PDB file of all heavy atoms in Angstrom:
ATOM      1  N   TYR A   1      -2.066  13.844 -11.554  1.00  0.00           N
ATOM      2  CA  TYR A   1      -1.819  13.787 -10.134  1.00  0.00           C
ATOM      3  C   TYR A   1      -2.751  12.811  -9.384  1.00  0.00           C
ATOM      4  O   TYR A   1      -2.313  12.065  -8.548  1.00  0.00           O
ATOM      5  CB  TYR A   1      -1.973  15.222  -9.510  1.00  0.00           C
ATOM      6  CG  TYR A   1      -1.865  15.273  -8.032  1.00  0.00           C
ATOM      7  CD1 TYR A   1      -0.632  15.242  -7.393  1.00  0.00           C
ATOM      8  CD2 TYR A   1      -3.011  15.328  -7.223  1.00  0.00           C
ATOM      9  CE1 TYR A   1      -0.521  15.266  -5.998  1.00  0.00           C
ATOM     10  CE2 TYR A   1      -2.928  15.378  -5.851  1.00  0.00           C
ATOM     11  CZ  TYR A   1      -1.675  15.325  -5.262  1.00  0.00           C
ATOM     12  OH  TYR A   1      -1.605  15.361  -3.871  1.00  0.00           O
ATOM     13  N   THR A   2      -4.022  12.872  -9.773  1.00  0.00           N
ATOM     14  CA  THR A   2      -5.016  11.992  -9.187  1.00  0.00           C
ATOM     15  C   THR A   2      -4.671  10.526  -9.421  1.00  0.00           C
ATOM     16  O   THR A   2      -4.720   9.652  -8.544  1.00  0.00           O
ATOM     17  CB  THR A   2      -6.415  12.263  -9.720  1.00  0.00           C
ATOM     18  OG1 THR A   2      -6.782  13.617  -9.434  1.00  0.00           O
ATOM     19  CG2 THR A   2      -7.437  11.370  -9.095  1.00  0.00           C
ATOM     20  N   LYS A   3      -4.257  10.249 -10.666  1.00  0.00           N
ATOM     21  CA  LYS A   3      -3.872   8.859 -11.034  1.00  0.00           C
ATOM     22  C   LYS A   3      -2.628   8.411 -10.257  1.00  0.00           C
ATOM     23  O   LYS A   3      -2.555   7.275  -9.740  1.00  0.00           O
ATOM     24  CB  LYS A   3      -3.634   8.796 -12.527  1.00  0.00           C
ATOM     25  CG  LYS A   3      -3.347   7.386 -13.039  1.00  0.00           C
ATOM     26  CD  LYS A   3      -3.218   7.349 -14.539  1.00  0.00           C
ATOM     27  CE  LYS A   3      -2.974   5.930 -15.062  1.00  0.00           C
ATOM     28  NZ  LYS A   3      -2.901   5.849 -16.527  1.00  0.00           N
ATOM     29  N   ALA A   4      -1.677   9.296 -10.181  1.00  0.00           N
ATOM     30  CA  ALA A   4      -0.422   8.974  -9.432  1.00  0.00           C
ATOM     31  C   ALA A   4      -0.688   8.706  -7.961  1.00  0.00           C
ATOM     32  O   ALA A   4      -0.154   7.809  -7.371  1.00  0.00           O
ATOM     33  CB  ALA A   4       0.578  10.105  -9.625  1.00  0.00           C
ATOM     34  N   MET A   5      -1.551   9.558  -7.382  1.00  0.00           N
ATOM     35  CA  MET A   5      -1.896   9.354  -5.934  1.00  0.00           C
ATOM     36  C   MET A   5      -2.626   8.103  -5.713  1.00  0.00           C
ATOM     37  O   MET A   5      -2.463   7.409  -4.727  1.00  0.00           O
ATOM     38  CB  MET A   5      -2.739  10.562  -5.449  1.00  0.00           C
ATOM     39  CG  MET A   5      -1.926  11.808  -5.188  1.00  0.00           C
ATOM     40  SD  MET A   5      -0.619  11.565  -3.944  1.00  0.00           S
ATOM     41  CE  MET A   5      -1.629  11.082  -2.491  1.00  0.00           C
ATOM     42  N   GLY A   6      -3.494   7.717  -6.673  1.00  0.00           N
ATOM     43  CA  GLY A   6      -4.252   6.475  -6.557  1.00  0.00           C
ATOM     44  C   GLY A   6      -3.267   5.297  -6.620  1.00  0.00           C
ATOM     45  O   GLY A   6      -3.413   4.337  -5.828  1.00  0.00           O
ATOM     46  N   LYS A   7      -2.314   5.313  -7.483  1.00  0.00           N
ATOM     47  CA  LYS A   7      -1.318   4.238  -7.599  1.00  0.00           C
ATOM     48  C   LYS A   7      -0.503   4.208  -6.317  1.00  0.00           C
ATOM     49  O   LYS A   7      -0.173   3.139  -5.822  1.00  0.00           O
ATOM     50  CB  LYS A   7      -0.417   4.502  -8.840  1.00  0.00           C
ATOM     51  CG  LYS A   7       0.690   3.520  -8.998  1.00  0.00           C
ATOM     52  CD  LYS A   7       0.115   2.103  -9.348  1.00  0.00           C
ATOM     53  CE  LYS A   7       1.238   1.164  -9.676  1.00  0.00           C
ATOM     54  NZ  LYS A   7       0.708  -0.234  -9.868  1.00  0.00           N
ATOM     55  N   TYR A   8      -0.107   5.402  -5.797  1.00  0.00           N
ATOM     56  CA  TYR A   8       0.676   5.427  -4.579  1.00  0.00           C
ATOM     57  C   TYR A   8      -0.071   4.810  -3.415  1.00  0.00           C
ATOM     58  O   TYR A   8       0.524   4.014  -2.644  1.00  0.00           O
ATOM     59  CB  TYR A   8       1.062   6.895  -4.244  1.00  0.00           C
ATOM     60  CG  TYR A   8       1.651   7.114  -2.889  1.00  0.00           C
ATOM     61  CD1 TYR A   8       3.022   6.777  -2.716  1.00  0.00           C
ATOM     62  CD2 TYR A   8       0.933   7.535  -1.817  1.00  0.00           C
ATOM     63  CE1 TYR A   8       3.583   6.966  -1.446  1.00  0.00           C
ATOM     64  CE2 TYR A   8       1.505   7.722  -0.585  1.00  0.00           C
ATOM     65  CZ  TYR A   8       2.817   7.440  -0.394  1.00  0.00           C
ATOM     66  OH  TYR A   8       3.415   7.596   0.848  1.00  0.00           O
ATOM     67  N   LYS A   9      -1.372   5.104  -3.272  1.00  0.00           N
ATOM     68  CA  LYS A   9      -2.091   4.574  -2.157  1.00  0.00           C
ATOM     69  C   LYS A   9      -2.281   3.057  -2.290  1.00  0.00           C
ATOM     70  O   LYS A   9      -2.235   2.311  -1.278  1.00  0.00           O
ATOM     71  CB  LYS A   9      -3.469   5.254  -2.120  1.00  0.00           C
ATOM     72  CG  LYS A   9      -3.440   6.666  -1.568  1.00  0.00           C
ATOM     73  CD  LYS A   9      -4.800   7.217  -1.342  1.00  0.00           C
ATOM     74  CE  LYS A   9      -4.734   8.603  -0.720  1.00  0.00           C
ATOM     75  NZ  LYS A   9      -6.091   9.167  -0.431  1.00  0.00           N
ATOM     76  N   VAL A  10      -2.426   2.556  -3.530  1.00  0.00           N
ATOM     77  CA  VAL A  10      -2.556   1.084  -3.712  1.00  0.00           C
ATOM     78  C   VAL A  10      -1.267   0.444  -3.316  1.00  0.00           C
ATOM     79  O   VAL A  10      -1.274  -0.629  -2.670  1.00  0.00           O
ATOM     80  CB  VAL A  10      -2.953   0.761  -5.123  1.00  0.00           C
ATOM     81  CG1 VAL A  10      -2.828  -0.746  -5.422  1.00  0.00           C
ATOM     82  CG2 VAL A  10      -4.374   1.242  -5.448  1.00  0.00           C
ATOM     83  N   ASN A  11      -0.131   1.037  -3.669  1.00  0.00           N
ATOM     84  CA  ASN A  11       1.143   0.426  -3.311  1.00  0.00           C
ATOM     85  C   ASN A  11       1.327   0.464  -1.792  1.00  0.00           C
ATOM     86  O   ASN A  11       1.866  -0.500  -1.167  1.00  0.00           O
ATOM     87  CB  ASN A  11       2.265   1.234  -3.943  1.00  0.00           C
ATOM     88  CG  ASN A  11       2.406   0.976  -5.440  1.00  0.00           C
ATOM     89  OD1 ASN A  11       1.978  -0.089  -5.913  1.00  0.00           O
ATOM     90  ND2 ASN A  11       3.025   1.889  -6.140  1.00  0.00           N
ATOM     91  N   GLN A  12       0.812   1.538  -1.135  1.00  0.00           N
ATOM     92  CA  GLN A  12       0.876   1.624   0.320  1.00  0.00           C
ATOM     93  C   GLN A  12       0.018   0.528   0.933  1.00  0.00           C
ATOM     94  O   GLN A  12       0.377  -0.039   1.961  1.00  0.00           O
ATOM     95  CB  GLN A  12       0.391   2.997   0.774  1.00  0.00           C
ATOM     96  CG  GLN A  12       1.360   4.122   0.601  1.00  0.00           C
ATOM     97  CD  GLN A  12       2.579   3.985   1.507  1.00  0.00           C
ATOM     98  OE1 GLN A  12       3.612   3.460   1.089  1.00  0.00           O
ATOM     99  NE2 GLN A  12       2.429   4.373   2.728  1.00  0.00           N
ATOM    100  N   LEU A  13      -1.141   0.243   0.313  1.00  0.00           N
ATOM    101  CA  LEU A  13      -2.017  -0.830   0.834  1.00  0.00           C
ATOM    102  C   LEU A  13      -1.271  -2.139   0.784  1.00  0.00           C
ATOM    103  O   LEU A  13      -1.334  -2.917   1.782  1.00  0.00           O
ATOM    104  CB  LEU A  13      -3.273  -0.887  -0.069  1.00  0.00           C
ATOM    105  CG  LEU A  13      -4.157  -2.103   0.213  1.00  0.00           C
ATOM    106  CD1 LEU A  13      -4.856  -2.010   1.589  1.00  0.00           C
ATOM    107  CD2 LEU A  13      -5.230  -2.239  -0.859  1.00  0.00           C
ATOM    108  N   LEU A  14      -0.603  -2.481  -0.297  1.00  0.00           N
ATOM    109  CA  LEU A  14       0.142  -3.718  -0.433  1.00  0.00           C
ATOM    110  C   LEU A  14       1.185  -3.815   0.653  1.00  0.00           C
ATOM    111  O   LEU A  14       1.387  -4.853   1.294  1.00  0.00           O
ATOM    112  CB  LEU A  14       0.769  -3.804  -1.804  1.00  0.00           C
ATOM    113  CG  LEU A  14      -0.144  -3.771  -3.027  1.00  0.00           C
ATOM    114  CD1 LEU A  14       0.619  -4.028  -4.306  1.00  0.00           C
ATOM    115  CD2 LEU A  14      -1.294  -4.828  -2.902  1.00  0.00           C
ATOM    116  N   ASN A  15       1.900  -2.652   0.902  1.00  0.00           N
ATOM    117  CA  ASN A  15       2.940  -2.664   1.911  1.00  0.00           C
ATOM    118  C   ASN A  15       2.365  -2.845   3.305  1.00  0.00           C
ATOM    119  O   ASN A  15       2.910  -3.561   4.116  1.00  0.00           O
ATOM    120  CB  ASN A  15       3.694  -1.321   1.845  1.00  0.00           C
ATOM    121  CG  ASN A  15       4.534  -1.219   0.638  1.00  0.00           C
ATOM    122  OD1 ASN A  15       4.972  -2.189   0.010  1.00  0.00           O
ATOM    123  ND2 ASN A  15       4.835  -0.002   0.226  1.00  0.00           N
ATOM    124  N   GLN A  16       1.211  -2.269   3.554  1.00  0.00           N
ATOM    125  CA  GLN A  16       0.560  -2.395   4.888  1.00  0.00           C
ATOM    126  C   GLN A  16       0.184  -3.836   5.179  1.00  0.00           C
ATOM    127  O   GLN A  16       0.338  -4.357   6.244  1.00  0.00           O
ATOM    128  CB  GLN A  16      -0.646  -1.467   4.970  1.00  0.00           C
ATOM    129  CG  GLN A  16      -0.297   0.019   5.072  1.00  0.00           C
ATOM    130  CD  GLN A  16      -1.514   0.909   5.095  1.00  0.00           C
ATOM    131  OE1 GLN A  16      -2.579   0.513   4.684  1.00  0.00           O
ATOM    132  NE2 GLN A  16      -1.327   2.122   5.585  1.00  0.00           N
ATOM    133  N   MET A  17      -0.468  -4.494   4.165  1.00  0.00           N
ATOM    134  CA  MET A  17      -0.865  -5.849   4.356  1.00  0.00           C
ATOM    135  C   MET A  17       0.295  -6.797   4.522  1.00  0.00           C
ATOM    136  O   MET A  17       0.248  -7.699   5.324  1.00  0.00           O
ATOM    137  CB  MET A  17      -1.743  -6.314   3.149  1.00  0.00           C
ATOM    138  CG  MET A  17      -3.058  -5.493   3.014  1.00  0.00           C
ATOM    139  SD  MET A  17      -4.169  -5.622   4.430  1.00  0.00           S
ATOM    140  CE  MET A  17      -4.844  -7.248   4.157  1.00  0.00           C
ATOM    141  N   ALA A  18       1.374  -6.537   3.776  1.00  0.00           N
ATOM    142  CA  ALA A  18       2.597  -7.339   3.895  1.00  0.00           C
ATOM    143  C   ALA A  18       3.213  -7.193   5.249  1.00  0.00           C
ATOM    144  O   ALA A  18       3.636  -8.131   5.909  1.00  0.00           O
ATOM    145  CB  ALA A  18       3.554  -7.007   2.793  1.00  0.00           C
ATOM    146  N   GLU A  19       3.234  -5.946   5.780  1.00  0.00           N
ATOM    147  CA  GLU A  19       3.829  -5.656   7.039  1.00  0.00           C
ATOM    148  C   GLU A  19       3.010  -6.309   8.170  1.00  0.00           C
ATOM    149  O   GLU A  19       3.620  -6.905   9.128  1.00  0.00           O
ATOM    150  CB  GLU A  19       3.883  -4.138   7.324  1.00  0.00           C
ATOM    151  CG  GLU A  19       4.592  -3.766   8.630  1.00  0.00           C
ATOM    152  CD  GLU A  19       4.754  -2.301   8.821  1.00  0.00           C
ATOM    153  OE1 GLU A  19       4.445  -1.506   7.885  1.00  0.00           O
ATOM    154  OE2 GLU A  19       5.173  -1.869   9.909  1.00  0.00           O
ATOM    155  N   LEU A  20       1.710  -6.286   8.115  1.00  0.00           N
ATOM    156  CA  LEU A  20       0.863  -6.889   9.105  1.00  0.00           C
ATOM    157  C   LEU A  20       1.056  -8.411   9.092  1.00  0.00           C
ATOM    158  O   LEU A  20       1.147  -9.060  10.178  1.00  0.00           O
ATOM    159  CB  LEU A  20      -0.604  -6.612   8.891  1.00  0.00           C
ATOM    160  CG  LEU A  20      -1.052  -5.134   9.139  1.00  0.00           C
ATOM    161  CD1 LEU A  20      -2.499  -4.972   8.783  1.00  0.00           C
ATOM    162  CD2 LEU A  20      -0.827  -4.798  10.621  1.00  0.00           C
ATOM    163  N   THR A  21       1.231  -9.015   7.953  1.00  0.00           N
ATOM    164  CA  THR A  21       1.423 -10.418   7.841  1.00  0.00           C
ATOM    165  C   THR A  21       2.758 -10.810   8.484  1.00  0.00           C
ATOM    166  O   THR A  21       2.815 -11.782   9.259  1.00  0.00           O
ATOM    167  CB  THR A  21       1.460 -10.869   6.315  1.00  0.00           C
ATOM    168  OG1 THR A  21       0.196 -10.584   5.748  1.00  0.00           O
ATOM    169  CG2 THR A  21       1.699 -12.375   6.195  1.00  0.00           C
ATOM    170  N   ILE A  22       3.788 -10.118   8.178  1.00  0.00           N
ATOM    171  CA  ILE A  22       5.120 -10.389   8.806  1.00  0.00           C
ATOM    172  C   ILE A  22       5.045 -10.210  10.332  1.00  0.00           C
ATOM    173  O   ILE A  22       5.586 -11.079  11.071  1.00  0.00           O
ATOM    174  CB  ILE A  22       6.183  -9.432   8.218  1.00  0.00           C
ATOM    175  CG1 ILE A  22       6.426  -9.731   6.762  1.00  0.00           C
ATOM    176  CG2 ILE A  22       7.476  -9.521   9.023  1.00  0.00           C
ATOM    177  CD1 ILE A  22       7.305  -8.760   6.031  1.00  0.00           C
ATOM    178  N   ASN A  23       4.349  -9.193  10.798  1.00  0.00           N
ATOM    179  CA  ASN A  23       4.262  -8.974  12.212  1.00  0.00           C
ATOM    180  C   ASN A  23       3.506 -10.089  12.945  1.00  0.00           C
ATOM    181  O   ASN A  23       3.812 -10.437  14.085  1.00  0.00           O
ATOM    182  CB  ASN A  23       3.621  -7.612  12.519  1.00  0.00           C
ATOM    183  CG  ASN A  23       4.536  -6.465  12.159  1.00  0.00           C
ATOM    184  OD1 ASN A  23       5.731  -6.628  11.932  1.00  0.00           O
ATOM    185  ND2 ASN A  23       3.991  -5.237  12.068  1.00  0.00           N
ATOM    186  N   ILE A  24       2.418 -10.595  12.288  1.00  0.00           N
ATOM    187  CA  ILE A  24       1.693 -11.695  12.864  1.00  0.00           C
ATOM    188  C   ILE A  24       2.550 -12.898  12.989  1.00  0.00           C
ATOM    189  O   ILE A  24       2.595 -13.594  14.025  1.00  0.00           O
ATOM    190  CB  ILE A  24       0.417 -12.005  12.058  1.00  0.00           C
ATOM    191  CG1 ILE A  24      -0.604 -10.835  12.129  1.00  0.00           C
ATOM    192  CG2 ILE A  24      -0.263 -13.298  12.483  1.00  0.00           C
ATOM    193  CD1 ILE A  24      -1.731 -10.925  11.137  1.00  0.00           C
TER     194      ILE A  24
END
């Protein structure tokens, strides 16, 4: 579970950075 959550959060980070880039 810990490993899966870590992977999920990293994927969320990538999505957040991509979204901010598009918005800029």
